[in-house]
Amino acid sequence: MAKEEYKVTETSVDTRHFYIETTDKLSDQDVREALLCSSFNVNSKTRFHTESGAQGWIGYEDTDYGDDSQVAWEKV
């Protein structure tokens, strides 16, 4: 029997929720750098320092998982 191969891609939209505690005014770049420091452990706090000198704490709260995934596939 011949082997069949398919390429399958599933796409959905998840929304992650974080909070940041800082005394510094943050730029968009600062927020993006802070996100890279998050541990993704619920209710955790991780210290962050950005290249511009901003610092503080970032925490991960939870994720709302997308419920309308789209599937695309093709035979290869």
PDB file of N, CA and C in Angstrom:
ATOM      1  N   MET A   1       0.848  -1.176   0.000  1.00  0.00           N
ATOM      2  CA  MET A   1       0.000   0.000   0.000  1.00  0.00           C
ATOM      3  C   MET A   1       0.895   1.242   0.000  1.00  0.00           C
ATOM      4  N   ALA A   2       0.568   2.221  -0.830  1.00  0.00           N
ATOM      5  CA  ALA A   2       1.370   3.435  -0.957  1.00  0.00           C
ATOM      6  C   ALA A   2       1.184   4.340   0.252  1.00  0.00           C
ATOM      7  N   LYS A   3       2.273   4.963   0.613  1.00  0.00           N
ATOM      8  CA  LYS A   3       2.235   5.901   1.744  1.00  0.00           C
ATOM      9  C   LYS A   3       1.686   7.243   1.264  1.00  0.00           C
ATOM     10  N   GLU A   4       0.762   7.808   2.022  1.00  0.00           N
ATOM     11  CA  GLU A   4       0.184   9.116   1.706  1.00  0.00           C
ATOM     12  C   GLU A   4       0.765  10.143   2.671  1.00  0.00           C
ATOM     13  N   GLU A   5       1.108  11.326   2.163  1.00  0.00           N
ATOM     14  CA  GLU A   5       1.624  12.394   3.013  1.00  0.00           C
ATOM     15  C   GLU A   5       0.820  13.654   2.772  1.00  0.00           C
ATOM     16  N   TYR A   6       0.513  14.332   3.876  1.00  0.00           N
ATOM     17  CA  TYR A   6      -0.251  15.570   3.818  1.00  0.00           C
ATOM     18  C   TYR A   6       0.435  16.622   4.687  1.00  0.00           C
ATOM     19  N   LYS A   7       0.377  17.851   4.248  1.00  0.00           N
ATOM     20  CA  LYS A   7       0.868  18.963   5.050  1.00  0.00           C
ATOM     21  C   LYS A   7      -0.370  19.652   5.627  1.00  0.00           C
ATOM     22  N   VAL A   8      -0.428  19.771   6.956  1.00  0.00           N
ATOM     23  CA  VAL A   8      -1.602  20.327   7.631  1.00  0.00           C
ATOM     24  C   VAL A   8      -1.166  21.503   8.495  1.00  0.00           C
ATOM     25  N   THR A   9      -1.923  22.596   8.432  1.00  0.00           N
ATOM     26  CA  THR A   9      -1.666  23.774   9.244  1.00  0.00           C
ATOM     27  C   THR A   9      -2.942  24.129   9.984  1.00  0.00           C
ATOM     28  N   GLU A  10      -2.839  24.272  11.304  1.00  0.00           N
ATOM     29  CA  GLU A  10      -3.983  24.716  12.097  1.00  0.00           C
ATOM     30  C   GLU A  10      -3.644  26.093  12.657  1.00  0.00           C
ATOM     31  N   THR A  11      -4.565  27.027  12.530  1.00  0.00           N
ATOM     32  CA  THR A  11      -4.360  28.385  13.003  1.00  0.00           C
ATOM     33  C   THR A  11      -5.505  28.777  13.918  1.00  0.00           C
ATOM     34  N   SER A  12      -5.173  29.315  15.069  1.00  0.00           N
ATOM     35  CA  SER A  12      -6.189  29.869  15.967  1.00  0.00           C
ATOM     36  C   SER A  12      -5.586  31.096  16.639  1.00  0.00           C
ATOM     37  N   VAL A  13      -6.423  31.873  17.264  1.00  0.00           N
ATOM     38  CA  VAL A  13      -5.961  33.083  17.923  1.00  0.00           C
ATOM     39  C   VAL A  13      -6.096  32.909  19.425  1.00  0.00           C
ATOM     40  N   ASP A  14      -4.980  32.942  20.114  1.00  0.00           N
ATOM     41  CA  ASP A  14      -4.962  32.890  21.581  1.00  0.00           C
ATOM     42  C   ASP A  14      -4.630  34.281  22.092  1.00  0.00           C
ATOM     43  N   THR A  15      -5.187  34.635  23.227  1.00  0.00           N
ATOM     44  CA  THR A  15      -4.912  35.929  23.834  1.00  0.00           C
ATOM     45  C   THR A  15      -4.275  35.703  25.184  1.00  0.00           C
ATOM     46  N   ARG A  16      -3.048  36.178  25.368  1.00  0.00           N
ATOM     47  CA  ARG A  16      -2.329  36.027  26.642  1.00  0.00           C
ATOM     48  C   ARG A  16      -2.427  37.328  27.418  1.00  0.00           C
ATOM     49  N   HIS A  17      -2.579  37.205  28.716  1.00  0.00           N
ATOM     50  CA  HIS A  17      -2.732  38.375  29.577  1.00  0.00           C
ATOM     51  C   HIS A  17      -1.547  38.491  30.531  1.00  0.00           C
ATOM     52  N   PHE A  18      -0.950  39.686  30.585  1.00  0.00           N
ATOM     53  CA  PHE A  18       0.199  39.989  31.427  1.00  0.00           C
ATOM     54  C   PHE A  18      -0.090  41.264  32.207  1.00  0.00           C
ATOM     55  N   TYR A  19       0.716  41.529  33.202  1.00  0.00           N
ATOM     56  CA  TYR A  19       0.697  42.832  33.875  1.00  0.00           C
ATOM     57  C   TYR A  19       2.127  43.248  34.127  1.00  0.00           C
ATOM     58  N   ILE A  20       2.350  44.551  34.136  1.00  0.00           N
ATOM     59  CA  ILE A  20       3.681  45.100  34.372  1.00  0.00           C
ATOM     60  C   ILE A  20       3.608  46.077  35.531  1.00  0.00           C
ATOM     61  N   GLU A  21       4.550  45.961  36.452  1.00  0.00           N
ATOM     62  CA  GLU A  21       4.694  46.895  37.564  1.00  0.00           C
ATOM     63  C   GLU A  21       6.022  47.613  37.400  1.00  0.00           C
ATOM     64  N   THR A  22       5.984  48.942  37.307  1.00  0.00           N
ATOM     65  CA  THR A  22       7.201  49.727  37.124  1.00  0.00           C
ATOM     66  C   THR A  22       6.944  51.169  37.542  1.00  0.00           C
ATOM     67  N   THR A  23       7.985  51.873  37.877  1.00  0.00           N
ATOM     68  CA  THR A  23       7.869  53.311  38.136  1.00  0.00           C
ATOM     69  C   THR A  23       8.307  54.111  36.915  1.00  0.00           C
ATOM     70  N   ASP A  24       8.751  53.408  35.855  1.00  0.00           N
ATOM     71  CA  ASP A  24       9.224  54.044  34.629  1.00  0.00           C
ATOM     72  C   ASP A  24       8.101  54.151  33.607  1.00  0.00           C
ATOM     73  N   LYS A  25       8.132  55.202  32.798  1.00  0.00           N
ATOM     74  CA  LYS A  25       7.228  55.311  31.664  1.00  0.00           C
ATOM     75  C   LYS A  25       7.798  54.426  30.562  1.00  0.00           C
ATOM     76  N   LEU A  26       7.008  53.484  30.049  1.00  0.00           N
ATOM     77  CA  LEU A  26       7.501  52.510  29.085  1.00  0.00           C
ATOM     78  C   LEU A  26       7.116  52.877  27.662  1.00  0.00           C
ATOM     79  N   SER A  27       8.030  52.618  26.752  1.00  0.00           N
ATOM     80  CA  SER A  27       7.754  52.754  25.323  1.00  0.00           C
ATOM     81  C   SER A  27       7.226  51.412  24.816  1.00  0.00           C
ATOM     82  N   ASP A  28       6.775  51.402  23.582  1.00  0.00           N
ATOM     83  CA  ASP A  28       6.338  50.154  22.966  1.00  0.00           C
ATOM     84  C   ASP A  28       7.469  49.127  22.984  1.00  0.00           C
ATOM     85  N   GLN A  29       8.684  49.570  22.666  1.00  0.00           N
ATOM     86  CA  GLN A  29       9.844  48.666  22.666  1.00  0.00           C
ATOM     87  C   GLN A  29      10.113  48.117  24.066  1.00  0.00           C
ATOM     88  N   ASP A  30       9.966  48.946  25.099  1.00  0.00           N
ATOM     89  CA  ASP A  30      10.167  48.483  26.479  1.00  0.00           C
ATOM     90  C   ASP A  30       9.177  47.368  26.828  1.00  0.00           C
ATOM     91  N   VAL A  31       7.917  47.564  26.442  1.00  0.00           N
ATOM     92  CA  VAL A  31       6.897  46.548  26.730  1.00  0.00           C
ATOM     93  C   VAL A  31       7.227  45.252  26.016  1.00  0.00           C
ATOM     94  N   ARG A  32       7.636  45.357  24.763  1.00  0.00           N
ATOM     95  CA  ARG A  32       7.999  44.147  24.009  1.00  0.00           C
ATOM     96  C   ARG A  32       9.196  43.427  24.639  1.00  0.00           C
ATOM     97  N   GLU A  33      10.181  44.180  25.106  1.00  0.00           N
ATOM     98  CA  GLU A  33      11.337  43.565  25.777  1.00  0.00           C
ATOM     99  C   GLU A  33      10.918  42.922  27.090  1.00  0.00           C
ATOM    100  N   ALA A  34      10.024  43.564  27.823  1.00  0.00           N
ATOM    101  CA  ALA A  34       9.548  43.003  29.088  1.00  0.00           C
ATOM    102  C   ALA A  34       8.822  41.682  28.841  1.00  0.00           C
ATOM    103  N   LEU A  35       8.022  41.622  27.779  1.00  0.00           N
ATOM    104  CA  LEU A  35       7.300  40.378  27.465  1.00  0.00           C
ATOM    105  C   LEU A  35       8.244  39.203  27.264  1.00  0.00           C
ATOM    106  N   LEU A  36       9.419  39.470  26.722  1.00  0.00           N
ATOM    107  CA  LEU A  36      10.398  38.399  26.512  1.00  0.00           C
ATOM    108  C   LEU A  36      10.897  37.800  27.818  1.00  0.00           C
ATOM    109  N   CYS A  37      10.715  38.521  28.913  1.00  0.00           N
ATOM    110  CA  CYS A  37      11.198  38.060  30.217  1.00  0.00           C
ATOM    111  C   CYS A  37      10.159  37.232  30.979  1.00  0.00           C
ATOM    112  N   SER A  38       8.929  37.238  30.529  1.00  0.00           N
ATOM    113  CA  SER A  38       7.867  36.543  31.264  1.00  0.00           C
ATOM    114  C   SER A  38       8.120  35.048  31.323  1.00  0.00           C
ATOM    115  N   SER A  39       7.786  34.462  32.462  1.00  0.00           N
ATOM    116  CA  SER A  39       8.023  33.028  32.644  1.00  0.00           C
ATOM    117  C   SER A  39       6.855  32.175  32.183  1.00  0.00           C
ATOM    118  N   PHE A  40       5.683  32.752  31.906  1.00  0.00           N
ATOM    119  CA  PHE A  40       4.476  32.036  31.507  1.00  0.00           C
ATOM    120  C   PHE A  40       3.985  31.070  32.580  1.00  0.00           C
ATOM    121  N   ASN A  41       4.380  31.292  33.823  1.00  0.00           N
ATOM    122  CA  ASN A  41       3.813  30.566  34.950  1.00  0.00           C
ATOM    123  C   ASN A  41       2.733  31.459  35.553  1.00  0.00           C
ATOM    124  N   VAL A  42       1.535  30.925  35.695  1.00  0.00           N
ATOM    125  CA  VAL A  42       0.400  31.709  36.173  1.00  0.00           C
ATOM    126  C   VAL A  42       0.721  32.387  37.496  1.00  0.00           C
ATOM    127  N   ASN A  43       0.387  33.658  37.573  1.00  0.00           N
ATOM    128  CA  ASN A  43       0.576  34.487  38.765  1.00  0.00           C
ATOM    129  C   ASN A  43       2.034  34.624  39.195  1.00  0.00           C
ATOM    130  N   SER A  44       2.952  34.444  38.255  1.00  0.00           N
ATOM    131  CA  SER A  44       4.367  34.615  38.580  1.00  0.00           C
ATOM    132  C   SER A  44       4.777  36.047  38.297  1.00  0.00           C
ATOM    133  N   LYS A  45       5.894  36.466  38.859  1.00  0.00           N
ATOM    134  CA  LYS A  45       6.492  37.764  38.575  1.00  0.00           C
ATOM    135  C   LYS A  45       7.950  37.542  38.220  1.00  0.00           C
ATOM    136  N   THR A  46       8.393  38.220  37.165  1.00  0.00           N
ATOM    137  CA  THR A  46       9.776  38.122  36.727  1.00  0.00           C
ATOM    138  C   THR A  46      10.337  39.528  36.583  1.00  0.00           C
ATOM    139  N   ARG A  47      11.535  39.731  37.079  1.00  0.00           N
ATOM    140  CA  ARG A  47      12.203  41.031  36.980  1.00  0.00           C
ATOM    141  C   ARG A  47      12.631  41.254  35.539  1.00  0.00           C
ATOM    142  N   PHE A  48      12.468  42.483  35.035  1.00  0.00           N
ATOM    143  CA  PHE A  48      12.952  42.799  33.697  1.00  0.00           C
ATOM    144  C   PHE A  48      13.752  44.099  33.712  1.00  0.00           C
ATOM    145  N   HIS A  49      14.665  44.192  32.763  1.00  0.00           N
ATOM    146  CA  HIS A  49      15.474  45.389  32.497  1.00  0.00           C
ATOM    147  C   HIS A  49      15.494  45.548  30.982  1.00  0.00           C
ATOM    148  N   THR A  50      15.218  46.745  30.483  1.00  0.00           N
ATOM    149  CA  THR A  50      15.232  46.966  29.037  1.00  0.00           C
ATOM    150  C   THR A  50      16.500  47.704  28.625  1.00  0.00           C
ATOM    151  N   GLU A  51      16.760  47.712  27.331  1.00  0.00           N
ATOM    152  CA  GLU A  51      17.951  48.400  26.820  1.00  0.00           C
ATOM    153  C   GLU A  51      17.914  49.897  27.107  1.00  0.00           C
ATOM    154  N   SER A  52      16.714  50.475  27.221  1.00  0.00           N
ATOM    155  CA  SER A  52      16.609  51.915  27.485  1.00  0.00           C
ATOM    156  C   SER A  52      16.803  52.244  28.959  1.00  0.00           C
ATOM    157  N   GLY A  53      16.918  51.211  29.802  1.00  0.00           N
ATOM    158  CA  GLY A  53      17.126  51.425  31.225  1.00  0.00           C
ATOM    159  C   GLY A  53      15.880  51.256  32.079  1.00  0.00           C
ATOM    160  N   ALA A  54      14.729  51.039  31.459  1.00  0.00           N
ATOM    161  CA  ALA A  54      13.505  50.801  32.230  1.00  0.00           C
ATOM    162  C   ALA A  54      13.613  49.462  32.937  1.00  0.00           C
ATOM    163  N   GLN A  55      12.964  49.377  34.081  1.00  0.00           N
ATOM    164  CA  GLN A  55      12.980  48.121  34.824  1.00  0.00           C
ATOM    165  C   GLN A  55      11.702  47.990  35.622  1.00  0.00           C
ATOM    166  N   GLY A  56      11.436  46.779  36.037  1.00  0.00           N
ATOM    167  CA  GLY A  56      10.247  46.506  36.837  1.00  0.00           C
ATOM    168  C   GLY A  56       9.981  45.018  36.890  1.00  0.00           C
ATOM    169  N   TRP A  57       8.721  44.679  37.039  1.00  0.00           N
ATOM    170  CA  TRP A  57       8.290  43.290  37.139  1.00  0.00           C
ATOM    171  C   TRP A  57       7.213  43.030  36.100  1.00  0.00           C
ATOM    172  N   ILE A  58       7.266  41.849  35.474  1.00  0.00           N
ATOM    173  CA  ILE A  58       6.202  41.433  34.566  1.00  0.00           C
ATOM    174  C   ILE A  58       5.618  40.133  35.085  1.00  0.00           C
ATOM    175  N   GLY A  59       4.314  40.026  35.023  1.00  0.00           N
ATOM    176  CA  GLY A  59       3.635  38.818  35.468  1.00  0.00           C
ATOM    177  C   GLY A  59       2.713  38.290  34.396  1.00  0.00           C
ATOM    178  N   TYR A  60       2.598  36.988  34.335  1.00  0.00           N
ATOM    179  CA  TYR A  60       1.699  36.320  33.403  1.00  0.00           C
ATOM    180  C   TYR A  60       0.451  35.930  34.175  1.00  0.00           C
ATOM    181  N   GLU A  61      -0.712  36.281  33.649  1.00  0.00           N
ATOM    182  CA  GLU A  61      -1.956  35.972  34.343  1.00  0.00           C
ATOM    183  C   GLU A  61      -2.645  34.726  33.787  1.00  0.00           C
ATOM    184  N   ASP A  62      -2.960  34.703  32.498  1.00  0.00           N
ATOM    185  CA  ASP A  62      -3.605  33.529  31.908  1.00  0.00           C
ATOM    186  C   ASP A  62      -3.698  33.686  30.400  1.00  0.00           C
ATOM    187  N   THR A  63      -4.280  32.678  29.754  1.00  0.00           N
ATOM    188  CA  THR A  63      -4.472  32.692  28.310  1.00  0.00           C
ATOM    189  C   THR A  63      -5.919  32.343  28.005  1.00  0.00           C
ATOM    190  N   ASP A  64      -6.529  33.118  27.109  1.00  0.00           N
ATOM    191  CA  ASP A  64      -7.832  32.770  26.548  1.00  0.00           C
ATOM    192  C   ASP A  64      -7.528  32.060  25.232  1.00  0.00           C
ATOM    193  N   TYR A  65      -7.897  30.786  25.143  1.00  0.00           N
ATOM    194  CA  TYR A  65      -7.576  30.005  23.959  1.00  0.00           C
ATOM    195  C   TYR A  65      -8.640  30.197  22.885  1.00  0.00           C
ATOM    196  N   GLY A  66      -8.176  30.377  21.645  1.00  0.00           N
ATOM    197  CA  GLY A  66      -9.086  30.553  20.515  1.00  0.00           C
ATOM    198  C   GLY A  66      -9.925  29.301  20.309  1.00  0.00           C
ATOM    199  N   ASP A  67     -11.183  29.498  19.989  1.00  0.00           N
ATOM    200  CA  ASP A  67     -12.070  28.351  19.807  1.00  0.00           C
ATOM    201  C   ASP A  67     -12.573  28.234  18.369  1.00  0.00           C
ATOM    202  N   ASP A  68     -11.977  28.959  17.470  1.00  0.00           N
ATOM    203  CA  ASP A  68     -12.422  28.916  16.074  1.00  0.00           C
ATOM    204  C   ASP A  68     -11.250  28.617  15.140  1.00  0.00           C
ATOM    205  N   SER A  69     -10.562  27.545  15.407  1.00  0.00           N
ATOM    206  CA  SER A  69      -9.375  27.245  14.612  1.00  0.00           C
ATOM    207  C   SER A  69      -9.738  26.969  13.155  1.00  0.00           C
ATOM    208  N   GLN A  70      -8.819  27.344  12.309  1.00  0.00           N
ATOM    209  CA  GLN A  70      -8.964  27.126  10.868  1.00  0.00           C
ATOM    210  C   GLN A  70      -7.932  26.095  10.457  1.00  0.00           C
ATOM    211  N   VAL A  71      -8.345  25.147   9.636  1.00  0.00           N
ATOM    212  CA  VAL A  71      -7.451  24.086   9.192  1.00  0.00           C
ATOM    213  C   VAL A  71      -7.298  24.162   7.673  1.00  0.00           C
ATOM    214  N   ALA A  72      -6.070  24.097   7.232  1.00  0.00           N
ATOM    215  CA  ALA A  72      -5.774  24.038   5.814  1.00  0.00           C
ATOM    216  C   ALA A  72      -4.863  22.827   5.590  1.00  0.00           C
ATOM    217  N   TRP A  73      -5.055  22.138   4.506  1.00  0.00           N
ATOM    218  CA  TRP A  73      -4.215  20.980   4.242  1.00  0.00           C
ATOM    219  C   TRP A  73      -4.057  20.786   2.745  1.00  0.00           C
ATOM    220  N   GLU A  74      -3.001  20.062   2.393  1.00  0.00           N
ATOM    221  CA  GLU A  74      -2.735  19.762   0.995  1.00  0.00           C
ATOM    222  C   GLU A  74      -1.958  18.455   0.924  1.00  0.00           C
ATOM    223  N   LYS A  75      -2.176  17.749  -0.112  1.00  0.00           N
ATOM    224  CA  LYS A  75      -1.419  16.518  -0.317  1.00  0.00           C
ATOM    225  C   LYS A  75      -0.058  16.893  -0.875  1.00  0.00           C
ATOM    226  N   VAL A  76       1.000  16.273  -0.323  1.00  0.00           N
ATOM    227  CA  VAL A  76       2.358  16.556  -0.801  1.00  0.00           C
ATOM    228  C   VAL A  76       2.920  15.380  -1.561  1.00  0.00           C
TER     229      VAL A  76
END
